[in-house]
Each structure stands twice: as C-alpha cells, then as structure tokens.
Amino acid sequence: MTPPSNRRLFRLAAILGLLGATGLAACGRFEAALALTLGAAVAIVSALWLSDLVGRFKAPEEVAPARFDWKFGLKAVLRYAFVGLALWGGLRMLPADVRWVIVGLSTVVAAVVIDGLRELLTGRRSGTGSAQ
C-alpha cells in the first residue's frame, strides 16, 4: 500500500497527463494526445511499482542471513519488461509522436517538482523553512 504522500504524487501526475492530453485533443492532435497518455500511464504504473519496491527495503529487525527472494527478483524483471514492451509497442504504433511519449513519461517527474515547490512555499509561509 502506498503512503498518502505517494498517492498525492500519483494523483497529480495523472491530472497533469489528463490535462496535457485534453489540451492536445482540443487542438485536434489526437495521435499526440494518445502518445502523451501512453507515456503518462507507463510512467505512473512504473513509479507505483518502484514505490512498492522501495517500500520493501526496510531494515530488518533481527539479524538474518541474506537470501535471494525470487518473487522480488521476478517482480523487478517483469516491471522492466512491461515498461520496455509498452514503450516499444507504443512507439511502433505512434512513430511520429515520440516527443509526446517522452512528455508523458515526464509527468511523474513534473508532479514531484510541483509537490516539492508546494511544500517549499508552504514551509516558508509558516516560517518553518530551512531558509529562515
């Protein structure tokens, strides 16, 4: 289960992707809107999986011998296989709109930047920022 702060990031990334795709569709650029949506969907699913993966890296309570968890390894391989196949298939279907797939892939990064700026501004207003 993802923490509330991660849910907020993924929701913001989805909103950014939908706003971009809606804007492109309103301008009549339906292939570009589809490419942006594909990139955003792949980025959000990949980030959700990565969040789950990082959440599993908790310090063990007891000293236990290191062992390879095959489920963990399989999930990591499947994640990268899914991302690669989705992008390969999407770019084969929409070769002229590679830049919009890349813009869609950057929605999660844009959501992180926006959320960080929002927290920075909130911290400055309350007087608890590190610059104070």
Protein backbone atom coordinates (compact mmCIF):
# COMPACT_ATOMS: atom_id res chain seq x y z
CA MET A 1 0.00 0.00 0.00
CA THR A 2 1.36 3.41 -0.95
CA PRO A 3 1.72 6.16 1.65
CA PRO A 4 -0.59 9.21 1.39
CA SER A 5 2.21 11.44 0.09
CA ASN A 6 2.86 9.00 -2.78
CA ARG A 7 -0.85 8.81 -3.60
CA ARG A 8 -0.88 12.60 -3.86
CA LEU A 9 2.06 12.49 -6.29
CA PHE A 10 0.46 9.84 -8.48
CA ARG A 11 -2.85 11.70 -8.49
CA LEU A 12 -1.05 14.91 -9.51
CA ALA A 13 0.83 13.02 -12.26
CA ALA A 14 -2.46 11.62 -13.57
CA ILE A 15 -4.03 15.09 -13.55
CA LEU A 16 -1.05 16.55 -15.43
CA GLY A 17 -1.26 13.77 -18.02
CA LEU A 18 -5.00 14.23 -18.45
CA LEU A 19 -4.67 18.00 -18.77
CA GLY A 20 -1.97 17.63 -21.42
CA ALA A 21 -3.91 15.01 -23.36
CA THR A 22 -7.11 17.07 -23.16
CA GLY A 23 -5.29 20.15 -24.42
CA LEU A 24 -3.79 18.26 -27.33
CA ALA A 25 -7.14 16.63 -28.19
CA ALA A 26 -8.85 20.03 -28.06
CA CYS A 27 -6.34 21.25 -30.66
CA GLY A 28 -7.16 18.26 -32.87
CA ARG A 29 -3.88 16.42 -32.21
CA PHE A 30 -5.41 13.07 -31.28
CA GLU A 31 -2.32 10.95 -32.02
CA ALA A 32 -0.21 13.24 -29.87
CA ALA A 33 -2.80 13.04 -27.08
CA LEU A 34 -2.76 9.24 -27.30
CA ALA A 35 1.06 9.22 -27.21
CA LEU A 36 1.12 11.52 -24.17
CA THR A 37 -1.46 9.34 -22.41
CA LEU A 38 0.56 6.21 -23.17
CA GLY A 39 3.74 7.77 -21.78
CA ALA A 40 1.97 9.05 -18.66
CA ALA A 41 0.30 5.68 -17.99
CA VAL A 42 3.59 3.80 -18.32
CA ALA A 43 5.38 6.32 -16.08
CA ILE A 44 2.70 6.19 -13.38
CA VAL A 45 2.50 2.39 -13.33
CA SER A 46 6.29 2.15 -13.29
CA ALA A 47 6.53 4.68 -10.46
CA LEU A 48 3.87 2.82 -8.47
CA TRP A 49 5.82 -0.41 -8.83
CA LEU A 50 9.07 1.35 -7.94
CA SER A 51 7.41 2.85 -4.86
CA ASP A 52 6.30 -0.61 -3.79
CA LEU A 53 9.78 -1.96 -4.45
CA VAL A 54 11.50 0.75 -2.40
CA GLY A 55 8.96 0.28 0.39
CA ARG A 56 10.21 -3.27 0.80
CA PHE A 57 13.75 -2.09 1.60
CA LYS A 58 13.21 -1.80 5.31
CA ALA A 59 15.91 -2.52 7.84
CA PRO A 60 15.44 -6.00 9.27
CA GLU A 61 14.51 -6.12 12.93
CA GLU A 62 16.71 -9.12 13.58
CA VAL A 63 19.96 -10.11 12.01
CA ALA A 64 19.03 -12.69 9.43
CA PRO A 65 21.16 -14.28 6.75
CA ALA A 66 20.88 -12.62 3.36
CA ARG A 67 18.93 -14.65 0.86
CA PHE A 68 17.57 -14.05 -2.61
CA ASP A 69 13.82 -13.56 -2.73
CA TRP A 70 12.79 -14.95 -6.13
CA LYS A 71 9.43 -13.14 -6.04
CA PHE A 72 11.19 -9.83 -5.54
CA GLY A 73 13.54 -10.54 -8.47
CA LEU A 74 10.71 -11.69 -10.70
CA LYS A 75 8.68 -8.56 -9.99
CA ALA A 76 11.66 -6.34 -10.80
CA VAL A 77 12.27 -8.15 -14.10
CA LEU A 78 8.58 -8.05 -15.02
CA ARG A 79 8.43 -4.34 -14.23
CA TYR A 80 11.20 -3.52 -16.67
CA ALA A 81 9.82 -5.96 -19.25
CA PHE A 82 6.40 -4.27 -19.03
CA VAL A 83 7.87 -0.78 -19.35
CA GLY A 84 10.07 -1.78 -22.26
CA LEU A 85 7.32 -3.63 -24.14
CA ALA A 86 4.76 -0.88 -23.57
CA LEU A 87 7.12 1.79 -24.83
CA TRP A 88 8.31 -0.31 -27.76
CA GLY A 89 4.74 -1.10 -28.80
CA GLY A 90 3.62 2.47 -28.34
CA LEU A 91 6.46 3.87 -30.40
CA ARG A 92 5.84 1.30 -33.14
CA MET A 93 2.19 2.41 -33.33
CA LEU A 94 2.90 6.15 -32.98
CA PRO A 95 6.36 6.73 -34.52
CA ALA A 96 5.73 10.39 -35.36
CA ASP A 97 4.86 11.33 -31.77
CA VAL A 98 7.93 10.19 -29.85
CA ARG A 99 8.30 13.59 -28.19
CA TRP A 100 4.79 13.34 -26.72
CA VAL A 101 5.53 9.89 -25.30
CA ILE A 102 8.59 11.44 -23.63
CA VAL A 103 6.47 14.31 -22.31
CA GLY A 104 4.03 11.75 -20.91
CA LEU A 105 6.89 9.85 -19.30
CA SER A 106 7.94 13.04 -17.52
CA THR A 107 4.58 13.60 -15.78
CA VAL A 108 5.75 11.83 -12.62
CA VAL A 109 8.89 13.98 -12.52
CA ALA A 110 6.78 17.11 -13.04
CA ALA A 111 4.46 16.02 -10.22
CA VAL A 112 7.44 15.57 -7.87
CA VAL A 113 8.76 19.05 -8.78
CA ILE A 114 5.35 20.68 -8.30
CA ASP A 115 4.81 18.91 -4.97
CA GLY A 116 8.29 19.92 -3.78
CA LEU A 117 7.69 23.54 -4.72
CA ARG A 118 4.33 23.47 -2.99
CA GLU A 119 5.92 22.10 0.21
CA LEU A 120 8.72 24.68 -0.02
CA LEU A 121 6.24 27.54 -0.32
CA THR A 122 4.09 26.15 2.49
CA GLY A 123 7.17 25.88 4.72
CA ARG A 124 8.17 29.47 4.01
CA ARG A 125 4.70 30.78 4.77
CA SER A 126 4.57 29.01 8.10
CA GLY A 127 8.09 30.14 8.99
CA THR A 128 9.47 26.62 9.36
CA GLY A 129 11.51 26.54 6.16
CA SER A 130 15.23 25.85 6.27
CA ALA A 131 15.94 29.31 4.82
CA GLN A 132 14.57 31.01 7.92
